[in-house]
């Protein structure tokens, strides 16, 4: 839980934990609310948000797509590193050539 300016803010992990206490552990809502300092309205807002986004848990292609983006990022990072190495070598050769010709 993060606190700023007197208002409580709960991390997503904590919100899920609180929802689980009521849904899976069958604790009463007043008990869950009192133990965690939340009002039932907040609990139901979090529950509504959870259920409205539940379809994401069942999407099969999301992990594959995410992995493809990570692979692409790694590929581009390698390409950028190689480009920087080549550029560095060319600049060294350029400076050495300028020194040998006496050009400033």
C-alpha atoms as a PDB file:
ATOM      1  CA  UNK A   1       0.000   0.000   0.000  1.00  0.00           C
ATOM      2  CA  UNK A   2       1.293   3.445  -0.877  1.00  0.00           C
ATOM      3  CA  UNK A   3       0.267   6.545   1.021  1.00  0.00           C
ATOM      4  CA  UNK A   4       0.360  10.110  -0.179  1.00  0.00           C
ATOM      5  CA  UNK A   5      -1.605  13.083   1.092  1.00  0.00           C
ATOM      6  CA  UNK A   6      -3.683  10.953   3.496  1.00  0.00           C
ATOM      7  CA  UNK A   7      -5.258   8.870   0.753  1.00  0.00           C
ATOM      8  CA  UNK A   8      -4.600   5.141   0.672  1.00  0.00           C
ATOM      9  CA  UNK A   9      -3.527   3.610  -2.603  1.00  0.00           C
ATOM     10  CA  UNK A  10      -3.284  -0.141  -3.024  1.00  0.00           C
ATOM     11  CA  UNK A  11      -0.975  -1.893  -5.443  1.00  0.00           C
ATOM     12  CA  UNK A  12      -2.641  -4.311  -7.878  1.00  0.00           C
ATOM     13  CA  UNK A  13      -1.174  -7.284  -5.998  1.00  0.00           C
ATOM     14  CA  UNK A  14      -2.729  -6.099  -2.730  1.00  0.00           C
ATOM     15  CA  UNK A  15      -6.086  -5.481  -4.427  1.00  0.00           C
ATOM     16  CA  UNK A  16      -6.072  -9.032  -5.788  1.00  0.00           C
ATOM     17  CA  UNK A  17      -5.172 -10.384  -2.364  1.00  0.00           C
ATOM     18  CA  UNK A  18      -8.073  -8.514  -0.760  1.00  0.00           C
ATOM     19  CA  UNK A  19     -10.517  -9.774  -3.414  1.00  0.00           C
ATOM     20  CA  UNK A  20      -9.275 -13.342  -2.904  1.00  0.00           C
ATOM     21  CA  UNK A  21      -9.886 -13.108   0.833  1.00  0.00           C
ATOM     22  CA  UNK A  22     -13.588 -12.650   0.229  1.00  0.00           C
ATOM     23  CA  UNK A  23     -14.048 -14.736  -2.916  1.00  0.00           C
ATOM     24  CA  UNK A  24     -11.837 -17.745  -2.215  1.00  0.00           C
ATOM     25  CA  UNK A  25     -11.287 -17.789   1.524  1.00  0.00           C
ATOM     26  CA  UNK A  26     -14.973 -16.976   2.118  1.00  0.00           C
ATOM     27  CA  UNK A  27     -14.238 -14.260   4.664  1.00  0.00           C
ATOM     28  CA  UNK A  28     -17.128 -11.867   5.173  1.00  0.00           C
ATOM     29  CA  UNK A  29     -16.927  -8.529   3.425  1.00  0.00           C
ATOM     30  CA  UNK A  30     -17.054  -6.542   6.683  1.00  0.00           C
ATOM     31  CA  UNK A  31     -14.155  -8.614   8.056  1.00  0.00           C
ATOM     32  CA  UNK A  32     -12.107  -8.096   4.894  1.00  0.00           C
ATOM     33  CA  UNK A  33     -12.915  -4.397   4.868  1.00  0.00           C
ATOM     34  CA  UNK A  34     -12.046  -3.876   8.523  1.00  0.00           C
ATOM     35  CA  UNK A  35      -8.806  -5.850   8.252  1.00  0.00           C
ATOM     36  CA  UNK A  36      -7.637  -3.910   5.202  1.00  0.00           C
ATOM     37  CA  UNK A  37      -9.208  -0.521   5.803  1.00  0.00           C
ATOM     38  CA  UNK A  38     -11.467  -0.470   2.743  1.00  0.00           C
ATOM     39  CA  UNK A  39     -15.112   0.405   2.320  1.00  0.00           C
ATOM     40  CA  UNK A  40     -17.449  -2.103   0.606  1.00  0.00           C
ATOM     41  CA  UNK A  41     -17.915   0.394  -2.250  1.00  0.00           C
ATOM     42  CA  UNK A  42     -14.192   0.196  -3.005  1.00  0.00           C
ATOM     43  CA  UNK A  43     -14.300  -3.599  -2.850  1.00  0.00           C
ATOM     44  CA  UNK A  44     -17.135  -3.737  -5.375  1.00  0.00           C
ATOM     45  CA  UNK A  45     -15.347  -1.245  -7.647  1.00  0.00           C
ATOM     46  CA  UNK A  46     -12.250  -3.463  -7.665  1.00  0.00           C
ATOM     47  CA  UNK A  47     -14.385  -6.558  -8.275  1.00  0.00           C
ATOM     48  CA  UNK A  48     -16.109  -4.868 -11.222  1.00  0.00           C
ATOM     49  CA  UNK A  49     -12.711  -3.893 -12.668  1.00  0.00           C
ATOM     50  CA  UNK A  50     -11.421  -7.444 -12.217  1.00  0.00           C
ATOM     51  CA  UNK A  51     -14.407  -9.023 -13.934  1.00  0.00           C
ATOM     52  CA  UNK A  52     -14.456  -6.503 -16.787  1.00  0.00           C
ATOM     53  CA  UNK A  53     -10.816  -7.398 -17.563  1.00  0.00           C
ATOM     54  CA  UNK A  54     -11.160 -11.145 -16.987  1.00  0.00           C
ATOM     55  CA  UNK A  55     -11.054 -11.937 -20.718  1.00  0.00           C
ATOM     56  CA  UNK A  56      -7.351 -11.014 -20.803  1.00  0.00           C
ATOM     57  CA  UNK A  57      -6.575 -14.065 -18.679  1.00  0.00           C
ATOM     58  CA  UNK A  58      -8.027 -16.330 -21.361  1.00  0.00           C
ATOM     59  CA  UNK A  59      -6.407 -14.824 -24.445  1.00  0.00           C
ATOM     60  CA  UNK A  60      -4.037 -17.371 -25.913  1.00  0.00           C
ATOM     61  CA  UNK A  61      -2.050 -15.180 -28.298  1.00  0.00           C
ATOM     62  CA  UNK A  62      -1.048 -12.436 -25.856  1.00  0.00           C
ATOM     63  CA  UNK A  63       1.991 -14.245 -24.454  1.00  0.00           C
ATOM     64  CA  UNK A  64       3.202 -15.198 -27.909  1.00  0.00           C
ATOM     65  CA  UNK A  65       2.765 -11.638 -29.160  1.00  0.00           C
ATOM     66  CA  UNK A  66       4.567 -10.269 -26.121  1.00  0.00           C
ATOM     67  CA  UNK A  67       7.461 -12.666 -26.658  1.00  0.00           C
ATOM     68  CA  UNK A  68       7.665 -11.631 -30.319  1.00  0.00           C
ATOM     69  CA  UNK A  69       7.989  -7.984 -29.273  1.00  0.00           C
ATOM     70  CA  UNK A  70      10.716  -8.886 -26.767  1.00  0.00           C
ATOM     71  CA  UNK A  71      12.608 -10.841 -29.422  1.00  0.00           C
ATOM     72  CA  UNK A  72      12.291  -7.919 -31.841  1.00  0.00           C
ATOM     73  CA  UNK A  73      13.602  -5.522 -29.186  1.00  0.00           C
ATOM     74  CA  UNK A  74      16.619  -7.767 -28.526  1.00  0.00           C
ATOM     75  CA  UNK A  75      17.291  -8.014 -32.251  1.00  0.00           C
ATOM     76  CA  UNK A  76      17.198  -4.226 -32.624  1.00  0.00           C
ATOM     77  CA  UNK A  77      19.442  -3.735 -29.584  1.00  0.00           C
ATOM     78  CA  UNK A  78      22.048  -6.076 -31.118  1.00  0.00           C
ATOM     79  CA  UNK A  79      21.813  -4.210 -34.413  1.00  0.00           C
ATOM     80  CA  UNK A  80      22.254  -0.861 -32.641  1.00  0.00           C
ATOM     81  CA  UNK A  81      25.262  -2.166 -30.702  1.00  0.00           C
ATOM     82  CA  UNK A  82      26.880  -3.365 -33.926  1.00  0.00           C
ATOM     83  CA  UNK A  83      26.210  -0.005 -35.600  1.00  0.00           C
ATOM     84  CA  UNK A  84      27.831   1.824 -32.681  1.00  0.00           C
ATOM     85  CA  UNK A  85      30.886  -0.436 -32.871  1.00  0.00           C
ATOM     86  CA  UNK A  86      31.303   0.204 -36.602  1.00  0.00           C
ATOM     87  CA  UNK A  87      30.820   3.936 -36.127  1.00  0.00           C
ATOM     88  CA  UNK A  88      33.427   3.953 -33.361  1.00  0.00           C
ATOM     89  CA  UNK A  89      35.943   2.149 -35.576  1.00  0.00           C
ATOM     90  CA  UNK A  90      35.330   4.578 -38.437  1.00  0.00           C
ATOM     91  CA  UNK A  91      35.771   7.586 -36.145  1.00  0.00           C
ATOM     92  CA  UNK A  92      39.053   6.175 -34.818  1.00  0.00           C
ATOM     93  CA  UNK A  93      40.312   5.692 -38.382  1.00  0.00           C
ATOM     94  CA  UNK A  94      39.165   9.204 -39.284  1.00  0.00           C
ATOM     95  CA  UNK A  95      40.996  10.773 -36.310  1.00  0.00           C
ATOM     96  CA  UNK A  96      44.141   8.750 -37.055  1.00  0.00           C
ATOM     97  CA  UNK A  97      44.038   9.814 -40.716  1.00  0.00           C
ATOM     98  CA  UNK A  98      43.585  13.480 -39.769  1.00  0.00           C
ATOM     99  CA  UNK A  99      46.557  13.262 -37.386  1.00  0.00           C
ATOM    100  CA  UNK A 100      48.773  11.660 -40.024  1.00  0.00           C
ATOM    101  CA  UNK A 101      47.863  14.405 -42.523  1.00  0.00           C
ATOM    102  CA  UNK A 102      48.284  17.162 -39.933  1.00  0.00           C
ATOM    103  CA  UNK A 103      44.697  18.380 -40.301  1.00  0.00           C
ATOM    104  CA  UNK A 104      42.942  19.836 -37.281  1.00  0.00           C
END
